[in-house]
Amino acid sequence: MCVKYIVTKYYPSEPYRPIAEFQLQEAEHALRINTVHYYEWAIKVGDLFFYPLEIAECIVSYLEKRYPFASYQLQEHGVSMEHIIENTEDGFKCTVCTWAWKTKPRSSCPGVVRYQWLAAPENLKTESQLKKKKLHHGPVRGIVGDYHLFDVNEATPWTSEERAAERERNRQKCIHCGKMVSRGYWNAEYEACKKCLQAAIEKHNEECRLRREAMEREFQEMLVSVRDEEILWARDLLGRSDWVILDCETTGLETYVDEVISIAVIAADGSELLNTLIMPANPIHPEATQINGITDEMVADAPTFAEVWAQLVDLLNGRLVIAYNVDFDENMLAGTRSRYRDQIEWDWEDRLGSKWQCAMLAYAAYFGQWHDYWKSFTWQPLPRGNHQAAGDCHATLEMIKRMAESKLSTELDTGLVSAGAVPGEQEIGENAPESGKG
């Protein structure tokens, strides 16, 4: 295949030109290893960029002048760069690269002998091996794998200037004493020479210690700041009267499968606005009964959710709703409402209460038990909760009062408060049964 034809085979469009320019640089880099195989690949890359025949001829001429060995290979093997095949008993073999195949090859010939691993003559070395001996390689005399082999006898030694430049490249500057040392006397991790290495390690360890202490101080300040915010939140609630506490007990945890079977709402002063059992459409799961103690017999004469809905809407309308685990209570109410949508008049834009806030998240931040994996505060069981709707509402109100009674960091003499030792925490959680949702 003609080299010039390969260069001018395709006509590139404008968007591909930057890609072709980058590929040309890669092609020139490949040509530095002086092989016909990569030279052919490099010229093929050019078909995206060099479309007029005159430009192709100029590029070929330029490459031949810049890389004489590639030009030599073209002169020796012509412009076809194909294997010179001869038939053998097992298939085919190239007389140039001595490679054998069972079927005719479709690859290009490198123009030199291709050796098996560990089978090359002793006088053939790779470019890296010659570089270690401070030698410039000559023309390629063989290939093993992806490595090109050069004859040691044809290699030329480095000049004194090149040796001096290599020594200078291998010298590194110690950032502690400022001296230039060879790589053998320089530690890359600490960027120090051997004389300064011990001092550099001690300095690094001290910097790490100070950094850890600063991070710990910052973390403790964050805990105190967040805790103060929750104390102020509790105090603000107790100074208002436009909020209620709501809690639900359910037949399970699935939003659109299980139902609300008990619901309670109390006012900010602790008075009960609503406390009722609700008869579900399906029997109560035994697992739910073990948690909340509600049985099918207890709800046999209770009103349905549709009968309680209107009263619930009137109680929560325009009020701030506080719940311990808001996501659970709000979603279970929405799921149960969806089950009775044919019996309830409501609009999709309607929402119970003006706004919902989660007391569980506030208490978790107040408690201050940080979870390193989730990067958030660990949820805590409701102190003194009993898995009864009214009981959990009163426990939530009592928890909010205890939080409001706690002192801010500015009101303490000791300053920072460590996690797990906040004032009021022992009072809130002491001898308190754990409560969850279910």
Protein backbone atom coordinates (compact mmCIF):
# COMPACT_ATOMS: atom_id res chain seq x y z
CA MET A 1 0.00 0.00 0.00
CA CYS A 2 1.45 3.35 -1.02
CA VAL A 3 2.46 5.61 1.84
CA LYS A 4 1.30 8.72 0.02
CA TYR A 5 -2.07 7.10 -0.64
CA ILE A 6 -2.45 6.28 3.04
CA VAL A 7 -1.74 9.88 3.92
CA THR A 8 -4.28 11.27 1.46
CA LYS A 9 -6.89 8.56 1.66
CA TYR A 10 -9.47 10.47 3.74
CA TYR A 11 -10.51 14.10 3.85
CA PRO A 12 -10.87 15.40 7.41
CA SER A 13 -13.65 17.66 8.66
CA GLU A 14 -12.93 20.72 10.76
CA PRO A 15 -13.91 19.30 14.21
CA TYR A 16 -11.33 16.52 13.87
CA ARG A 17 -8.34 18.77 13.24
CA PRO A 18 -7.37 19.35 16.89
CA ILE A 19 -7.53 15.59 17.45
CA ALA A 20 -5.39 14.99 14.38
CA GLU A 21 -2.79 17.51 15.55
CA PHE A 22 -2.52 15.69 18.88
CA GLN A 23 -2.27 12.34 17.12
CA LEU A 24 0.49 13.70 14.88
CA GLN A 25 2.51 14.48 18.02
CA GLU A 26 1.95 10.93 19.20
CA ALA A 27 3.01 9.70 15.77
CA GLU A 28 6.26 11.66 15.89
CA HIS A 29 6.93 10.24 19.35
CA ALA A 30 6.37 6.73 18.01
CA LEU A 31 8.80 7.37 15.17
CA ARG A 32 11.60 8.05 17.65
CA ILE A 33 11.84 4.32 18.33
CA ASN A 34 12.79 3.86 14.65
CA THR A 35 10.53 1.07 13.47
CA VAL A 36 8.65 0.72 10.22
CA HIS A 37 5.68 -0.77 12.07
CA TYR A 38 5.09 2.43 14.03
CA TYR A 39 6.05 4.56 11.09
CA GLU A 40 3.19 3.06 9.10
CA TRP A 41 0.83 3.66 12.04
CA ALA A 42 2.02 7.25 12.29
CA ILE A 43 1.35 7.91 8.63
CA LYS A 44 -2.12 6.38 8.96
CA VAL A 45 -2.85 8.80 11.77
CA GLY A 46 -2.13 11.59 9.37
CA ASP A 47 -5.06 10.66 7.15
CA LEU A 48 -7.30 12.74 9.42
CA PHE A 49 -5.34 15.92 8.84
CA PHE A 50 -3.20 16.01 5.70
CA TYR A 51 -5.58 15.93 2.77
CA PRO A 52 -3.87 17.61 -0.26
CA LEU A 53 -1.31 15.39 -1.97
CA GLU A 54 1.27 18.18 -1.95
CA ILE A 55 1.03 18.51 1.83
CA ALA A 56 1.26 14.74 2.23
CA GLU A 57 4.46 14.69 0.19
CA CYS A 58 5.91 17.50 2.30
CA ILE A 59 5.04 15.68 5.52
CA VAL A 60 6.60 12.44 4.31
CA SER A 61 9.72 14.34 3.25
CA TYR A 62 9.86 16.14 6.59
CA LEU A 63 9.53 12.91 8.57
CA GLU A 64 12.18 11.17 6.48
CA LYS A 65 14.63 14.00 7.09
CA ARG A 66 13.87 14.22 10.78
CA TYR A 67 14.00 10.46 11.32
CA PRO A 68 16.69 9.07 9.00
CA PHE A 69 16.23 5.49 10.16
CA ALA A 70 12.55 5.49 9.19
CA SER A 71 13.57 6.84 5.81
CA TYR A 72 16.13 4.03 5.55
CA GLN A 73 13.50 1.38 6.24
CA LEU A 74 11.30 2.79 3.52
CA GLN A 75 14.16 2.66 1.06
CA GLU A 76 14.97 -0.92 1.99
CA HIS A 77 11.48 -2.35 1.92
CA GLY A 78 9.77 0.02 -0.44
CA VAL A 79 6.42 1.53 0.29
CA SER A 80 4.45 -1.67 0.78
CA MET A 81 5.74 -2.52 4.33
CA GLU A 82 4.28 -5.99 4.02
CA HIS A 83 5.69 -9.32 5.12
CA ILE A 84 7.81 -11.26 2.67
CA ILE A 85 6.01 -14.57 3.01
CA GLU A 86 7.29 -18.05 2.24
CA ASN A 87 5.32 -21.26 2.66
CA THR A 88 6.31 -23.75 5.34
CA GLU A 89 5.00 -27.10 6.48
CA ASP A 90 3.08 -25.49 9.36
CA GLY A 91 1.82 -22.44 7.47
CA PHE A 92 3.62 -19.24 6.58
CA LYS A 93 6.77 -17.45 7.65
CA CYS A 94 8.22 -13.98 7.04
CA THR A 95 11.83 -14.06 5.80
CA VAL A 96 12.46 -10.62 7.34
CA CYS A 97 11.01 -10.76 10.86
CA THR A 98 11.15 -14.63 10.97
CA TRP A 99 7.66 -14.72 12.50
CA ALA A 100 5.44 -17.70 11.63
CA TRP A 101 1.66 -18.08 11.25
CA LYS A 102 -0.77 -20.82 10.40
CA THR A 103 -2.73 -18.43 8.15
CA LYS A 104 -1.60 -15.49 6.08
CA PRO A 105 -0.90 -12.49 8.32
CA ARG A 106 -2.63 -9.14 7.97
CA SER A 107 -0.19 -7.20 10.14
CA SER A 108 2.71 -5.08 8.92
CA CYS A 109 6.29 -6.24 8.98
CA PRO A 110 8.56 -4.41 11.47
CA GLY A 111 11.52 -4.86 9.14
CA VAL A 112 13.69 -6.54 11.78
CA VAL A 113 13.89 -9.96 13.41
CA ARG A 114 11.24 -10.65 16.04
CA TYR A 115 12.56 -12.74 18.95
CA GLN A 116 10.85 -14.82 21.59
CA TRP A 117 11.20 -13.77 25.22
CA LEU A 118 14.66 -14.54 26.67
CA ALA A 119 15.80 -15.78 23.25
CA ALA A 120 17.48 -12.60 21.93
CA PRO A 121 21.30 -12.53 21.50
CA GLU A 122 23.38 -11.11 24.33
CA ASN A 123 24.52 -8.15 22.25
CA LEU A 124 20.93 -6.89 21.76
CA LYS A 125 19.68 -4.63 24.54
CA THR A 126 16.60 -2.46 25.11
CA GLU A 127 16.74 1.30 25.16
CA SER A 128 16.45 1.37 28.95
CA GLN A 129 19.34 -1.06 29.34
CA LEU A 130 21.54 1.08 27.09
CA LYS A 131 20.51 4.22 28.96
CA LYS A 132 21.73 2.71 32.22
CA LYS A 133 25.10 2.18 30.56
CA LYS A 134 25.11 5.80 29.32
CA LEU A 135 24.88 4.71 25.68
CA HIS A 136 22.94 6.03 22.69
CA HIS A 137 21.28 3.30 20.71
CA GLY A 138 21.72 2.77 17.01
CA PRO A 139 19.19 1.33 14.55
CA VAL A 140 16.71 -1.30 15.69
CA ARG A 141 18.09 -4.82 15.20
CA GLY A 142 15.23 -6.81 16.70
CA ILE A 143 11.95 -6.82 18.58
CA VAL A 144 10.85 -8.85 21.59
CA GLY A 145 7.24 -8.31 22.65
CA ASP A 146 6.70 -4.54 22.56
CA TYR A 147 10.37 -3.78 23.24
CA HIS A 148 12.85 -2.83 20.55
CA LEU A 149 16.37 -4.22 20.67
CA PHE A 150 19.56 -2.42 19.73
CA ASP A 151 23.08 -3.71 19.15
CA VAL A 152 25.49 -2.74 21.92
CA ASN A 153 28.37 -2.66 19.40
CA GLU A 154 26.55 0.01 17.38
CA ALA A 155 25.77 2.16 20.42
CA THR A 156 27.65 5.39 21.05
CA PRO A 157 28.61 6.66 24.51
CA TRP A 158 27.16 9.81 26.00
CA THR A 159 29.16 12.99 25.76
CA SER A 160 30.56 14.64 28.88
CA GLU A 161 27.90 17.33 28.58
CA GLU A 162 25.14 14.73 28.51
CA ARG A 163 26.59 12.93 31.51
CA ALA A 164 26.77 16.20 33.43
CA ALA A 165 23.18 17.04 32.48
CA GLU A 166 22.04 13.58 33.63
CA ARG A 167 23.81 14.01 36.95
CA GLU A 168 22.13 17.39 37.37
CA ARG A 169 18.71 15.89 36.61
CA ASN A 170 19.29 13.21 39.23
CA ARG A 171 20.14 15.76 41.91
CA GLN A 172 17.40 16.94 44.24
CA LYS A 173 17.17 19.89 46.58
CA CYS A 174 16.69 19.26 50.28
CA ILE A 175 13.94 21.62 51.48
CA HIS A 176 15.44 21.64 54.99
CA CYS A 177 19.10 22.46 54.44
CA GLY A 178 18.81 23.70 50.87
CA LYS A 179 21.65 21.53 49.53
CA MET A 180 21.55 19.65 46.23
CA VAL A 181 22.10 15.94 46.73
CA SER A 182 21.96 12.90 44.48
CA ARG A 183 18.85 10.75 44.50
CA GLY A 184 20.59 8.04 46.47
CA TYR A 185 20.96 10.46 49.41
CA TRP A 186 17.48 12.00 49.09
CA ASN A 187 14.14 10.84 50.56
CA ALA A 188 11.24 11.58 48.25
CA GLU A 189 8.53 11.29 50.93
CA TYR A 190 9.99 13.98 53.18
CA GLU A 191 12.01 15.80 50.47
CA ALA A 192 15.06 15.69 52.67
CA CYS A 193 18.64 14.48 52.46
CA LYS A 194 19.87 11.70 54.74
CA LYS A 195 21.38 14.16 57.21
CA CYS A 196 18.09 16.03 57.60
CA LEU A 197 15.79 12.99 57.39
CA GLN A 198 15.37 12.38 61.12
CA ALA A 199 14.63 16.04 61.78
CA ALA A 200 12.23 16.08 58.83
CA ILE A 201 10.35 13.07 60.23
CA GLU A 202 10.07 14.68 63.66
CA LYS A 203 8.84 17.92 62.10
CA HIS A 204 6.29 16.04 60.02
CA ASN A 205 5.00 14.14 63.05
CA GLU A 206 4.69 17.36 65.02
CA GLU A 207 2.76 19.01 62.19
CA CYS A 208 0.44 15.99 62.03
CA ARG A 209 -0.14 16.16 65.78
CA LEU A 210 -0.96 19.86 65.66
CA ARG A 211 -3.25 19.28 62.70
CA ARG A 212 -5.11 16.52 64.56
CA GLU A 213 -5.49 18.71 67.62
CA ALA A 214 -6.83 21.56 65.49
CA MET A 215 -9.33 19.22 63.82
CA GLU A 216 -10.43 17.89 67.21
CA ARG A 217 -10.93 21.44 68.55
CA GLU A 218 -12.92 22.32 65.44
CA PHE A 219 -15.02 19.19 65.87
CA GLN A 220 -15.75 19.94 69.53
CA GLU A 221 -16.68 23.51 68.65
CA MET A 222 -19.07 22.16 66.02
CA LEU A 223 -20.70 19.85 68.57
CA VAL A 224 -21.17 22.69 71.02
CA SER A 225 -22.48 25.06 68.34
CA VAL A 226 -25.03 22.55 67.06
CA ARG A 227 -26.10 21.67 70.60
CA ASP A 228 -26.63 25.36 71.40
CA GLU A 229 -28.82 25.68 68.31
CA GLU A 230 -31.06 22.83 69.48
CA ILE A 231 -31.33 24.29 72.99
CA LEU A 232 -32.42 27.60 71.48
CA TRP A 233 -34.88 25.70 69.26
CA ALA A 234 -36.44 24.08 72.33
CA ARG A 235 -36.62 27.39 74.21
CA ASP A 236 -38.22 29.06 71.22
CA LEU A 237 -40.87 26.32 71.03
CA LEU A 238 -41.79 26.67 74.70
CA GLY A 239 -42.22 30.40 74.20
CA ARG A 240 -44.88 29.79 71.56
CA SER A 241 -48.32 28.21 71.61
CA ASP A 242 -48.97 27.63 67.89
CA TRP A 243 -47.57 24.10 67.82
CA VAL A 244 -48.63 20.59 68.70
CA ILE A 245 -46.96 17.22 69.15
CA LEU A 246 -48.24 14.25 67.14
CA ASP A 247 -47.47 10.56 67.33
CA CYS A 248 -48.82 7.49 65.53
CA GLU A 249 -48.79 3.75 66.15
CA THR A 250 -49.13 1.52 63.10
CA THR A 251 -49.58 -2.05 61.96
CA GLY A 252 -46.07 -2.05 60.45
CA LEU A 253 -43.45 0.02 58.69
CA GLU A 254 -44.59 -0.12 55.04
CA THR A 255 -46.06 3.25 54.06
CA TYR A 256 -48.71 2.15 51.55
CA VAL A 257 -49.27 -1.33 53.01
CA ASP A 258 -49.67 -0.78 56.75
CA GLU A 259 -52.09 1.56 58.51
CA VAL A 260 -52.33 3.94 61.44
CA ILE A 261 -54.11 2.25 64.36
CA SER A 262 -53.54 4.87 67.07
CA ILE A 263 -52.99 8.60 66.92
CA ALA A 264 -52.51 11.28 69.57
CA VAL A 265 -52.08 15.04 69.46
CA ILE A 266 -51.18 17.20 72.47
CA ALA A 267 -50.86 20.95 72.77
CA ALA A 268 -47.81 22.89 73.93
CA ASP A 269 -49.12 22.91 77.52
CA GLY A 270 -49.48 19.11 77.54
CA SER A 271 -53.26 18.95 77.22
CA GLU A 272 -54.53 16.14 75.00
CA LEU A 273 -56.34 17.36 71.90
CA LEU A 274 -56.77 13.91 70.37
CA ASN A 275 -56.09 10.41 71.64
CA THR A 276 -57.87 7.61 69.88
CA LEU A 277 -57.48 4.10 68.57
CA ILE A 278 -58.33 3.50 64.90
CA MET A 279 -59.82 0.37 63.41
CA PRO A 280 -57.71 -0.78 60.43
CA ALA A 281 -59.03 -2.47 57.31
CA ASN A 282 -56.82 -5.53 57.90
CA PRO A 283 -55.87 -7.48 61.02
CA ILE A 284 -52.96 -6.18 63.09
CA HIS A 285 -49.68 -8.06 62.68
CA PRO A 286 -48.54 -9.96 65.80
CA GLU A 287 -45.14 -8.25 65.51
CA ALA A 288 -46.82 -4.84 65.79
CA THR A 289 -48.84 -6.00 68.79
CA GLN A 290 -45.63 -7.06 70.56
CA ILE A 291 -44.28 -3.53 70.17
CA ASN A 292 -47.26 -1.27 70.86
CA GLY A 293 -49.57 -3.69 72.70
CA ILE A 294 -52.57 -2.93 70.47
CA THR A 295 -54.73 -5.94 69.55
CA ASP A 296 -57.60 -6.47 67.15
CA GLU A 297 -60.03 -6.68 70.09
CA MET A 298 -58.95 -3.25 71.33
CA VAL A 299 -59.74 -1.58 67.99
CA ALA A 300 -62.91 -3.55 67.22
CA ASP A 301 -65.19 -0.66 68.32
CA ALA A 302 -62.78 2.18 67.42
CA PRO A 303 -63.56 4.71 64.65
CA THR A 304 -62.04 4.32 61.21
CA PHE A 305 -59.37 6.58 59.85
CA ALA A 306 -61.92 8.29 57.58
CA GLU A 307 -64.03 9.18 60.63
CA VAL A 308 -61.04 10.69 62.46
CA TRP A 309 -59.63 12.53 59.46
CA ALA A 310 -61.81 15.66 59.67
CA GLN A 311 -61.01 16.18 63.37
CA LEU A 312 -57.29 15.67 62.70
CA VAL A 313 -57.30 18.24 59.90
CA ASP A 314 -59.00 20.84 62.16
CA LEU A 315 -56.49 20.26 64.96
CA LEU A 316 -53.40 20.58 62.78
CA ASN A 317 -54.60 23.31 60.44
CA GLY A 318 -52.23 26.31 60.60
CA ARG A 319 -50.11 24.83 63.39
CA LEU A 320 -46.51 23.69 63.58
CA VAL A 321 -46.41 19.92 64.00
CA ILE A 322 -43.61 18.34 66.06
CA ALA A 323 -43.06 14.58 65.82
CA TYR A 324 -40.36 12.18 66.92
CA ASN A 325 -39.31 10.83 63.49
CA VAL A 326 -41.34 13.12 61.25
CA ASP A 327 -40.72 11.10 58.10
CA PHE A 328 -42.37 8.03 59.58
CA ASP A 329 -45.47 9.73 61.01
CA GLU A 330 -46.10 12.00 58.04
CA ASN A 331 -45.62 9.22 55.49
CA MET A 332 -47.81 6.75 57.40
CA LEU A 333 -50.60 9.33 57.61
CA ALA A 334 -50.27 10.00 53.88
CA GLY A 335 -50.32 6.28 53.10
CA THR A 336 -53.35 5.62 55.26
CA ARG A 337 -55.13 8.64 53.78
CA SER A 338 -54.45 7.24 50.31
CA ARG A 339 -56.05 3.92 51.34
CA TYR A 340 -59.26 5.75 52.36
CA ARG A 341 -59.22 8.29 49.53
CA ASP A 342 -62.73 7.27 48.41
CA GLN A 343 -64.14 8.08 51.85
CA ILE A 344 -62.20 11.28 52.50
CA GLU A 345 -62.63 14.64 50.81
CA TRP A 346 -59.22 16.17 50.33
CA ASP A 347 -57.11 17.94 47.75
CA TRP A 348 -53.65 16.82 46.72
CA GLU A 349 -52.36 20.30 47.63
CA ASP A 350 -53.74 20.00 51.18
CA ARG A 351 -51.25 19.17 53.91
CA LEU A 352 -51.69 18.47 57.57
CA GLY A 353 -50.33 21.40 59.52
CA SER A 354 -48.47 24.41 58.20
CA LYS A 355 -45.04 22.86 58.80
CA TRP A 356 -43.49 19.74 60.31
CA GLN A 357 -40.33 19.57 62.40
CA CYS A 358 -38.49 16.49 63.66
CA ALA A 359 -37.75 16.29 67.38
CA MET A 360 -35.65 13.15 66.81
CA LEU A 361 -33.10 15.00 64.64
CA ALA A 362 -33.00 17.87 67.14
CA TYR A 363 -32.38 15.51 70.05
CA ALA A 364 -29.72 13.60 68.06
CA ALA A 365 -27.81 16.85 67.50
CA TYR A 366 -28.31 17.81 71.16
CA PHE A 367 -27.08 14.39 72.30
CA GLY A 368 -23.96 14.82 70.16
CA GLN A 369 -23.10 11.23 69.20
CA TRP A 370 -21.38 11.70 65.83
CA HIS A 371 -21.29 8.87 63.27
CA ASP A 372 -18.02 8.95 61.33
CA TYR A 373 -19.30 6.77 58.50
CA TRP A 374 -22.58 8.57 57.81
CA LYS A 375 -21.14 11.99 58.71
CA SER A 376 -24.19 12.87 60.80
CA PHE A 377 -25.54 12.55 64.33
CA THR A 378 -26.77 9.13 65.44
CA TRP A 379 -30.51 8.91 66.07
CA GLN A 380 -31.37 8.23 69.70
CA PRO A 381 -34.37 6.36 71.17
CA LEU A 382 -37.09 8.57 72.63
CA PRO A 383 -36.39 8.96 76.37
CA ARG A 384 -39.23 7.60 78.52
CA GLY A 385 -41.23 6.56 75.46
CA ASN A 386 -43.64 3.64 75.88
CA HIS A 387 -44.75 2.94 72.29
CA GLN A 388 -48.16 4.40 73.00
CA ALA A 389 -49.24 7.39 70.92
CA ALA A 390 -50.20 9.60 73.88
CA GLY A 391 -47.27 8.39 75.99
CA ASP A 392 -44.75 9.16 73.25
CA CYS A 393 -46.28 12.63 72.76
CA HIS A 394 -45.84 13.45 76.46
CA ALA A 395 -42.32 11.96 76.42
CA THR A 396 -41.44 14.20 73.47
CA LEU A 397 -42.78 17.28 75.29
CA GLU A 398 -40.81 16.35 78.41
CA MET A 399 -37.66 15.92 76.31
CA ILE A 400 -38.12 19.37 74.74
CA LYS A 401 -38.52 20.92 78.22
CA ARG A 402 -35.34 19.20 79.43
CA MET A 403 -33.44 20.45 76.40
CA ALA A 404 -34.66 24.00 77.02
CA GLU A 405 -33.51 23.81 80.65
CA SER A 406 -29.97 22.87 79.59
CA LYS A 407 -27.36 25.60 79.68
CA LEU A 408 -25.77 27.09 76.58
CA SER A 409 -22.01 26.95 76.19
CA THR A 410 -21.89 30.69 76.95
CA GLU A 411 -23.71 30.05 80.24
CA LEU A 412 -21.18 27.46 81.43
CA ASP A 413 -17.94 28.09 83.32
CA THR A 414 -16.07 25.24 81.62
CA GLY A 415 -16.49 26.47 78.03
CA LEU A 416 -16.50 23.54 75.59
CA VAL A 417 -18.73 20.57 76.30
CA SER A 418 -17.56 17.15 75.19
CA ALA A 419 -19.90 14.72 73.47
CA GLY A 420 -21.58 12.28 75.84
CA ALA A 421 -21.27 14.64 78.83
CA VAL A 422 -23.75 17.40 78.04
CA PRO A 423 -25.77 18.87 80.92
CA GLY A 424 -29.27 17.51 81.06
CA GLU A 425 -28.44 14.41 79.03
CA GLN A 426 -28.30 12.16 82.07
CA GLU A 427 -31.53 13.67 83.36
CA ILE A 428 -33.30 13.10 80.06
CA GLY A 429 -32.10 9.56 79.50
CA GLU A 430 -31.77 8.25 83.08
CA ASN A 431 -33.84 5.08 83.60
CA ALA A 432 -35.78 5.90 80.45
CA PRO A 433 -37.27 3.07 78.42
CA GLU A 434 -36.32 3.17 74.77
CA SER A 435 -39.01 3.95 72.25
CA GLY A 436 -39.03 3.59 68.49
CA LYS A 437 -41.58 3.37 65.71
CA GLY A 438 -43.51 0.34 64.68
